[in-house]
PDB file of N, CA and C in Angstrom:
ATOM      1  N   UNK A   1       3.380  -8.088   9.996  1.00  0.00           N
ATOM      2  CA  UNK A   1       2.596  -7.024   9.385  1.00  0.00           C
ATOM      3  C   UNK A   1       1.237  -6.947  10.063  1.00  0.00           C
ATOM      4  N   UNK A   2       0.720  -5.747  10.207  1.00  0.00           N
ATOM      5  CA  UNK A   2      -0.563  -5.590  10.880  1.00  0.00           C
ATOM      6  C   UNK A   2      -1.776  -5.943  10.024  1.00  0.00           C
ATOM      7  N   UNK A   3      -1.556  -6.236   8.759  1.00  0.00           N
ATOM      8  CA  UNK A   3      -2.676  -6.658   7.916  1.00  0.00           C
ATOM      9  C   UNK A   3      -2.495  -8.129   7.561  1.00  0.00           C
ATOM     10  N   UNK A   4      -3.598  -8.811   7.400  1.00  0.00           N
ATOM     11  CA  UNK A   4      -3.526 -10.253   7.160  1.00  0.00           C
ATOM     12  C   UNK A   4      -3.261 -10.607   5.698  1.00  0.00           C
ATOM     13  N   UNK A   5      -3.590  -9.699   4.789  1.00  0.00           N
ATOM     14  CA  UNK A   5      -3.408  -9.994   3.368  1.00  0.00           C
ATOM     15  C   UNK A   5      -3.125  -8.708   2.604  1.00  0.00           C
ATOM     16  N   UNK A   6      -2.149  -8.773   1.712  1.00  0.00           N
ATOM     17  CA  UNK A   6      -1.834  -7.604   0.892  1.00  0.00           C
ATOM     18  C   UNK A   6      -2.890  -7.364  -0.185  1.00  0.00           C
ATOM     19  N   UNK A   7      -3.811  -8.303  -0.327  1.00  0.00           N
ATOM     20  CA  UNK A   7      -4.866  -8.156  -1.330  1.00  0.00           C
ATOM     21  C   UNK A   7      -5.800  -6.983  -1.027  1.00  0.00           C
ATOM     22  N   UNK A   8      -5.818  -6.515   0.211  1.00  0.00           N
ATOM     23  CA  UNK A   8      -6.677  -5.367   0.536  1.00  0.00           C
ATOM     24  C   UNK A   8      -6.057  -4.042   0.098  1.00  0.00           C
ATOM     25  N   UNK A   9      -4.774  -4.071  -0.263  1.00  0.00           N
ATOM     26  CA  UNK A   9      -4.095  -2.847  -0.686  1.00  0.00           C
ATOM     27  C   UNK A   9      -4.440  -2.530  -2.125  1.00  0.00           C
ATOM     28  N   UNK A  10      -4.682  -1.253  -2.382  1.00  0.00           N
ATOM     29  CA  UNK A  10      -5.003  -0.826  -3.742  1.00  0.00           C
ATOM     30  C   UNK A  10      -4.527   0.607  -3.944  1.00  0.00           C
ATOM     31  N   UNK A  11      -4.335   0.962  -5.173  1.00  0.00           N
ATOM     32  CA  UNK A  11      -3.899   2.311  -5.516  1.00  0.00           C
ATOM     33  C   UNK A  11      -4.886   3.324  -4.933  1.00  0.00           C
ATOM     34  N   UNK A  12      -4.354   4.394  -4.383  1.00  0.00           N
ATOM     35  CA  UNK A  12      -5.189   5.438  -3.806  1.00  0.00           C
ATOM     36  C   UNK A  12      -5.262   5.405  -2.290  1.00  0.00           C
ATOM     37  N   UNK A  13      -4.917   4.253  -1.691  1.00  0.00           N
ATOM     38  CA  UNK A  13      -4.912   4.171  -0.226  1.00  0.00           C
ATOM     39  C   UNK A  13      -3.705   4.909   0.337  1.00  0.00           C
ATOM     40  N   UNK A  14      -3.875   5.488   1.504  1.00  0.00           N
ATOM     41  CA  UNK A  14      -2.770   6.075   2.248  1.00  0.00           C
ATOM     42  C   UNK A  14      -2.561   5.194   3.466  1.00  0.00           C
ATOM     43  N   UNK A  15      -1.360   4.651   3.599  1.00  0.00           N
ATOM     44  CA  UNK A  15      -1.045   3.737   4.687  1.00  0.00           C
ATOM     45  C   UNK A  15       0.067   4.351   5.528  1.00  0.00           C
ATOM     46  N   UNK A  16      -0.166   4.443   6.828  1.00  0.00           N
ATOM     47  CA  UNK A  16       0.818   4.976   7.752  1.00  0.00           C
ATOM     48  C   UNK A  16       1.296   3.876   8.674  1.00  0.00           C
ATOM     49  N   UNK A  17       2.592   3.775   8.817  1.00  0.00           N
ATOM     50  CA  UNK A  17       3.189   2.814   9.736  1.00  0.00           C
ATOM     51  C   UNK A  17       3.753   3.589  10.919  1.00  0.00           C
ATOM     52  N   UNK A  18       3.449   3.176  12.116  1.00  0.00           N
ATOM     53  CA  UNK A  18       3.935   3.890  13.294  1.00  0.00           C
ATOM     54  C   UNK A  18       5.364   3.505  13.663  1.00  0.00           C
ATOM     55  N   UNK A  19       5.896   2.497  12.997  1.00  0.00           N
ATOM     56  CA  UNK A  19       7.274   2.079  13.254  1.00  0.00           C
ATOM     57  C   UNK A  19       8.229   3.036  12.546  1.00  0.00           C
ATOM     58  N   UNK A  20       9.280   3.439  13.229  1.00  0.00           N
ATOM     59  CA  UNK A  20      10.244   4.358  12.620  1.00  0.00           C
ATOM     60  C   UNK A  20      11.628   3.727  12.435  1.00  0.00           C
ATOM     61  N   UNK A  21      11.822   2.536  12.960  1.00  0.00           N
ATOM     62  CA  UNK A  21      13.092   1.839  12.765  1.00  0.00           C
ATOM     63  C   UNK A  21      12.817   0.355  12.638  1.00  0.00           C
ATOM     64  N   UNK A  22      12.983  -0.212  11.477  1.00  0.00           N
ATOM     65  CA  UNK A  22      13.571   0.353  10.263  1.00  0.00           C
ATOM     66  C   UNK A  22      12.585   1.271   9.541  1.00  0.00           C
ATOM     67  N   UNK A  23      13.135   2.188   8.772  1.00  0.00           N
ATOM     68  CA  UNK A  23      12.270   3.124   8.043  1.00  0.00           C
ATOM     69  C   UNK A  23      11.432   2.430   6.975  1.00  0.00           C
ATOM     70  N   UNK A  24      11.997   1.426   6.336  1.00  0.00           N
ATOM     71  CA  UNK A  24      11.276   0.690   5.284  1.00  0.00           C
ATOM     72  C   UNK A  24      10.824  -0.658   5.843  1.00  0.00           C
ATOM     73  N   UNK A  25       9.667  -0.673   6.453  1.00  0.00           N
ATOM     74  CA  UNK A  25       9.127  -1.915   7.003  1.00  0.00           C
ATOM     75  C   UNK A  25       8.492  -2.743   5.885  1.00  0.00           C
ATOM     76  N   UNK A  26       8.182  -3.975   6.193  1.00  0.00           N
ATOM     77  CA  UNK A  26       7.515  -4.832   5.208  1.00  0.00           C
ATOM     78  C   UNK A  26       6.190  -4.209   4.780  1.00  0.00           C
ATOM     79  N   UNK A  27       5.452  -3.643   5.736  1.00  0.00           N
ATOM     80  CA  UNK A  27       4.180  -2.994   5.414  1.00  0.00           C
ATOM     81  C   UNK A  27       4.388  -1.871   4.396  1.00  0.00           C
ATOM     82  N   UNK A  28       5.381  -1.022   4.612  1.00  0.00           N
ATOM     83  CA  UNK A  28       5.614   0.085   3.686  1.00  0.00           C
ATOM     84  C   UNK A  28       6.078  -0.411   2.323  1.00  0.00           C
ATOM     85  N   UNK A  29       6.902  -1.435   2.298  1.00  0.00           N
ATOM     86  CA  UNK A  29       7.337  -1.995   1.005  1.00  0.00           C
ATOM     87  C   UNK A  29       6.153  -2.566   0.236  1.00  0.00           C
ATOM     88  N   UNK A  30       5.293  -3.303   0.926  1.00  0.00           N
ATOM     89  CA  UNK A  30       4.128  -3.903   0.272  1.00  0.00           C
ATOM     90  C   UNK A  30       3.149  -2.830  -0.216  1.00  0.00           C
ATOM     91  N   UNK A  31       2.932  -1.793   0.596  1.00  0.00           N
ATOM     92  CA  UNK A  31       1.980  -0.755   0.185  1.00  0.00           C
ATOM     93  C   UNK A  31       2.492   0.018  -1.015  1.00  0.00           C
ATOM     94  N   UNK A  32       3.793   0.305  -1.017  1.00  0.00           N
ATOM     95  CA  UNK A  32       4.351   1.012  -2.182  1.00  0.00           C
ATOM     96  C   UNK A  32       4.238   0.171  -3.441  1.00  0.00           C
ATOM     97  N   UNK A  33       4.525  -1.116  -3.343  1.00  0.00           N
ATOM     98  CA  UNK A  33       4.447  -1.959  -4.536  1.00  0.00           C
ATOM     99  C   UNK A  33       3.010  -2.130  -5.011  1.00  0.00           C
ATOM    100  N   UNK A  34       2.031  -1.903  -4.123  1.00  0.00           N
ATOM    101  CA  UNK A  34       0.623  -1.979  -4.510  1.00  0.00           C
ATOM    102  C   UNK A  34       0.098  -0.638  -5.037  1.00  0.00           C
ATOM    103  N   UNK A  35       0.969   0.373  -5.061  1.00  0.00           N
ATOM    104  CA  UNK A  35       0.556   1.677  -5.579  1.00  0.00           C
ATOM    105  C   UNK A  35      -0.053   2.604  -4.543  1.00  0.00           C
ATOM    106  N   UNK A  36       0.055   2.251  -3.280  1.00  0.00           N
ATOM    107  CA  UNK A  36      -0.468   3.085  -2.199  1.00  0.00           C
ATOM    108  C   UNK A  36       0.540   4.184  -1.855  1.00  0.00           C
ATOM    109  N   UNK A  37       0.061   5.199  -1.175  1.00  0.00           N
ATOM    110  CA  UNK A  37       0.948   6.186  -0.585  1.00  0.00           C
ATOM    111  C   UNK A  37       1.352   5.661   0.774  1.00  0.00           C
ATOM    112  N   UNK A  38       2.653   5.550   1.017  1.00  0.00           N
ATOM    113  CA  UNK A  38       3.161   4.977   2.263  1.00  0.00           C
ATOM    114  C   UNK A  38       3.856   6.058   3.082  1.00  0.00           C
ATOM    115  N   UNK A  39       3.487   6.152   4.364  1.00  0.00           N
ATOM    116  CA  UNK A  39       4.078   7.140   5.265  1.00  0.00           C
ATOM    117  C   UNK A  39       4.715   6.402   6.428  1.00  0.00           C
ATOM    118  N   UNK A  40       6.002   6.691   6.667  1.00  0.00           N
ATOM    119  CA  UNK A  40       6.705   6.016   7.755  1.00  0.00           C
ATOM    120  C   UNK A  40       6.406   6.678   9.104  1.00  0.00           C
ATOM    121  N   UNK A  41       6.963   6.144  10.169  1.00  0.00           N
ATOM    122  CA  UNK A  41       6.676   6.624  11.517  1.00  0.00           C
ATOM    123  C   UNK A  41       7.556   7.748  12.012  1.00  0.00           C
ATOM    124  N   UNK A  42       8.431   8.274  11.152  1.00  0.00           N
ATOM    125  CA  UNK A  42       9.352   9.312  11.592  1.00  0.00           C
ATOM    126  C   UNK A  42       8.608  10.577  12.035  1.00  0.00           C
ATOM    127  N   UNK A  43       7.600  10.980  11.304  1.00  0.00           N
ATOM    128  CA  UNK A  43       6.844  12.185  11.676  1.00  0.00           C
ATOM    129  C   UNK A  43       6.220  12.047  13.051  1.00  0.00           C
ATOM    130  N   UNK A  44       5.647  10.891  13.318  1.00  0.00           N
ATOM    131  CA  UNK A  44       5.047  10.649  14.629  1.00  0.00           C
ATOM    132  C   UNK A  44       6.118  10.738  15.721  1.00  0.00           C
ATOM    133  N   UNK A  45       7.262  10.120  15.491  1.00  0.00           N
ATOM    134  CA  UNK A  45       8.346  10.150  16.466  1.00  0.00           C
ATOM    135  C   UNK A  45       8.800  11.584  16.750  1.00  0.00           C
ATOM    136  N   UNK A  46       9.005  12.357  15.698  1.00  0.00           N
ATOM    137  CA  UNK A  46       9.489  13.726  15.847  1.00  0.00           C
ATOM    138  C   UNK A  46       8.484  14.587  16.607  1.00  0.00           C
ATOM    139  N   UNK A  47       7.208  14.491  16.250  1.00  0.00           N
ATOM    140  CA  UNK A  47       6.224  15.342  16.909  1.00  0.00           C
ATOM    141  C   UNK A  47       5.899  14.884  18.332  1.00  0.00           C
ATOM    142  N   UNK A  48       6.020  13.598  18.627  1.00  0.00           N
ATOM    143  CA  UNK A  48       5.919  13.155  20.024  1.00  0.00           C
ATOM    144  C   UNK A  48       7.100  13.694  20.810  1.00  0.00           C
ATOM    145  N   UNK A  49       8.266  13.666  20.195  1.00  0.00           N
ATOM    146  CA  UNK A  49       9.459  14.225  20.836  1.00  0.00           C
ATOM    147  C   UNK A  49       9.322  15.719  21.079  1.00  0.00           C
ATOM    148  N   UNK A  50       8.738  16.429  20.116  1.00  0.00           N
ATOM    149  CA  UNK A  50       8.541  17.876  20.268  1.00  0.00           C
ATOM    150  C   UNK A  50       7.593  18.174  21.424  1.00  0.00           C
ATOM    151  N   UNK A  51       6.542  17.380  21.558  1.00  0.00           N
ATOM    152  CA  UNK A  51       5.591  17.575  22.660  1.00  0.00           C
ATOM    153  C   UNK A  51       6.271  17.304  24.005  1.00  0.00           C
ATOM    154  N   UNK A  52       7.076  16.247  24.077  1.00  0.00           N
ATOM    155  CA  UNK A  52       7.784  15.929  25.316  1.00  0.00           C
ATOM    156  C   UNK A  52       8.819  17.005  25.638  1.00  0.00           C
ATOM    157  N   UNK A  53       9.517  17.484  24.614  1.00  0.00           N
ATOM    158  CA  UNK A  53      10.512  18.540  24.794  1.00  0.00           C
ATOM    159  C   UNK A  53       9.861  19.781  25.395  1.00  0.00           C
ATOM    160  N   UNK A  54       8.723  20.165  24.849  1.00  0.00           N
ATOM    161  CA  UNK A  54       7.980  21.342  25.342  1.00  0.00           C
ATOM    162  C   UNK A  54       7.521  21.119  26.779  1.00  0.00           C
ATOM    163  N   UNK A  55       7.023  19.934  27.063  1.00  0.00           N
ATOM    164  CA  UNK A  55       6.547  19.614  28.406  1.00  0.00           C
ATOM    165  C   UNK A  55       7.661  19.725  29.442  1.00  0.00           C
ATOM    166  N   UNK A  56       8.837  19.210  29.126  1.00  0.00           N
ATOM    167  CA  UNK A  56       9.926  19.158  30.095  1.00  0.00           C
ATOM    168  C   UNK A  56      10.788  20.418  30.133  1.00  0.00           C
ATOM    169  N   UNK A  57      10.867  21.155  29.015  1.00  0.00           N
ATOM    170  CA  UNK A  57      11.746  22.328  28.991  1.00  0.00           C
ATOM    171  C   UNK A  57      10.996  23.649  28.928  1.00  0.00           C
ATOM    172  N   UNK A  58       9.749  23.603  28.470  1.00  0.00           N
ATOM    173  CA  UNK A  58       8.986  24.836  28.284  1.00  0.00           C
ATOM    174  C   UNK A  58       9.335  25.538  26.979  1.00  0.00           C
ATOM    175  N   UNK A  59      10.286  24.998  26.237  1.00  0.00           N
ATOM    176  CA  UNK A  59      10.719  25.605  24.976  1.00  0.00           C
ATOM    177  C   UNK A  59      10.227  24.763  23.799  1.00  0.00           C
ATOM    178  N   UNK A  60      10.160  25.405  22.645  1.00  0.00           N
ATOM    179  CA  UNK A  60       9.795  24.687  21.424  1.00  0.00           C
ATOM    180  C   UNK A  60      11.025  23.980  20.865  1.00  0.00           C
ATOM    181  N   UNK A  61      10.850  22.748  20.489  1.00  0.00           N
ATOM    182  CA  UNK A  61      11.930  21.986  19.870  1.00  0.00           C
ATOM    183  C   UNK A  61      12.055  22.417  18.414  1.00  0.00           C
ATOM    184  N   UNK A  62      13.277  22.528  17.890  1.00  0.00           N
ATOM    185  CA  UNK A  62      13.443  22.870  16.467  1.00  0.00           C
ATOM    186  C   UNK A  62      13.080  21.665  15.582  1.00  0.00           C
ATOM    187  N   UNK A  63      11.795  21.523  15.324  1.00  0.00           N
ATOM    188  CA  UNK A  63      11.266  20.345  14.635  1.00  0.00           C
ATOM    189  C   UNK A  63      11.951  20.099  13.294  1.00  0.00           C
ATOM    190  N   UNK A  64      12.095  21.126  12.477  1.00  0.00           N
ATOM    191  CA  UNK A  64      12.700  20.933  11.155  1.00  0.00           C
ATOM    192  C   UNK A  64      14.140  20.431  11.268  1.00  0.00           C
ATOM    193  N   UNK A  65      14.887  20.981  12.212  1.00  0.00           N
ATOM    194  CA  UNK A  65      16.274  20.566  12.398  1.00  0.00           C
ATOM    195  C   UNK A  65      16.344  19.105  12.861  1.00  0.00           C
ATOM    196  N   UNK A  66      15.508  18.739  13.820  1.00  0.00           N
ATOM    197  CA  UNK A  66      15.503  17.370  14.321  1.00  0.00           C
ATOM    198  C   UNK A  66      15.035  16.410  13.226  1.00  0.00           C
ATOM    199  N   UNK A  67      13.991  16.765  12.521  1.00  0.00           N
ATOM    200  CA  UNK A  67      13.475  15.884  11.451  1.00  0.00           C
ATOM    201  C   UNK A  67      14.533  15.656  10.369  1.00  0.00           C
ATOM    202  N   UNK A  68      15.313  16.684  10.062  1.00  0.00           N
ATOM    203  CA  UNK A  68      16.344  16.544   9.024  1.00  0.00           C
ATOM    204  C   UNK A  68      17.407  15.526   9.420  1.00  0.00           C
ATOM    205  N   UNK A  69      17.603  15.294  10.696  1.00  0.00           N
ATOM    206  CA  UNK A  69      18.589  14.310  11.159  1.00  0.00           C
ATOM    207  C   UNK A  69      18.212  12.890  10.734  1.00  0.00           C
ATOM    208  N   UNK A  70      16.954  12.632  10.511  1.00  0.00           N
ATOM    209  CA  UNK A  70      16.503  11.311  10.107  1.00  0.00           C
ATOM    210  C   UNK A  70      16.723  11.052   8.615  1.00  0.00           C
ATOM    211  N   UNK A  71      17.025  12.075   7.868  1.00  0.00           N
ATOM    212  CA  UNK A  71      17.160  11.930   6.418  1.00  0.00           C
ATOM    213  C   UNK A  71      18.569  12.181   5.925  1.00  0.00           C
ATOM    214  N   UNK A  72      19.533  12.127   6.824  1.00  0.00           N
ATOM    215  CA  UNK A  72      20.946  12.281   6.430  1.00  0.00           C
ATOM    216  C   UNK A  72      21.550  10.959   6.094  1.00  0.00           C
TER     217      UNK A  72
END
């Protein structure tokens, strides 16, 4: 975990994990149990992919369609 102690977690914090596999990392489990809002790394992965797709193809990637693949 990137934090040394879960004691710093408190309700109202928003914690983002850049890891997308596994979706439920120890950090996200600990933050949720502490009452924090936990955001996984899937959004970062999808939007980095969209930027790369645009760079290499010149076309826009169907972000919503690709993102939905992670939640099936």
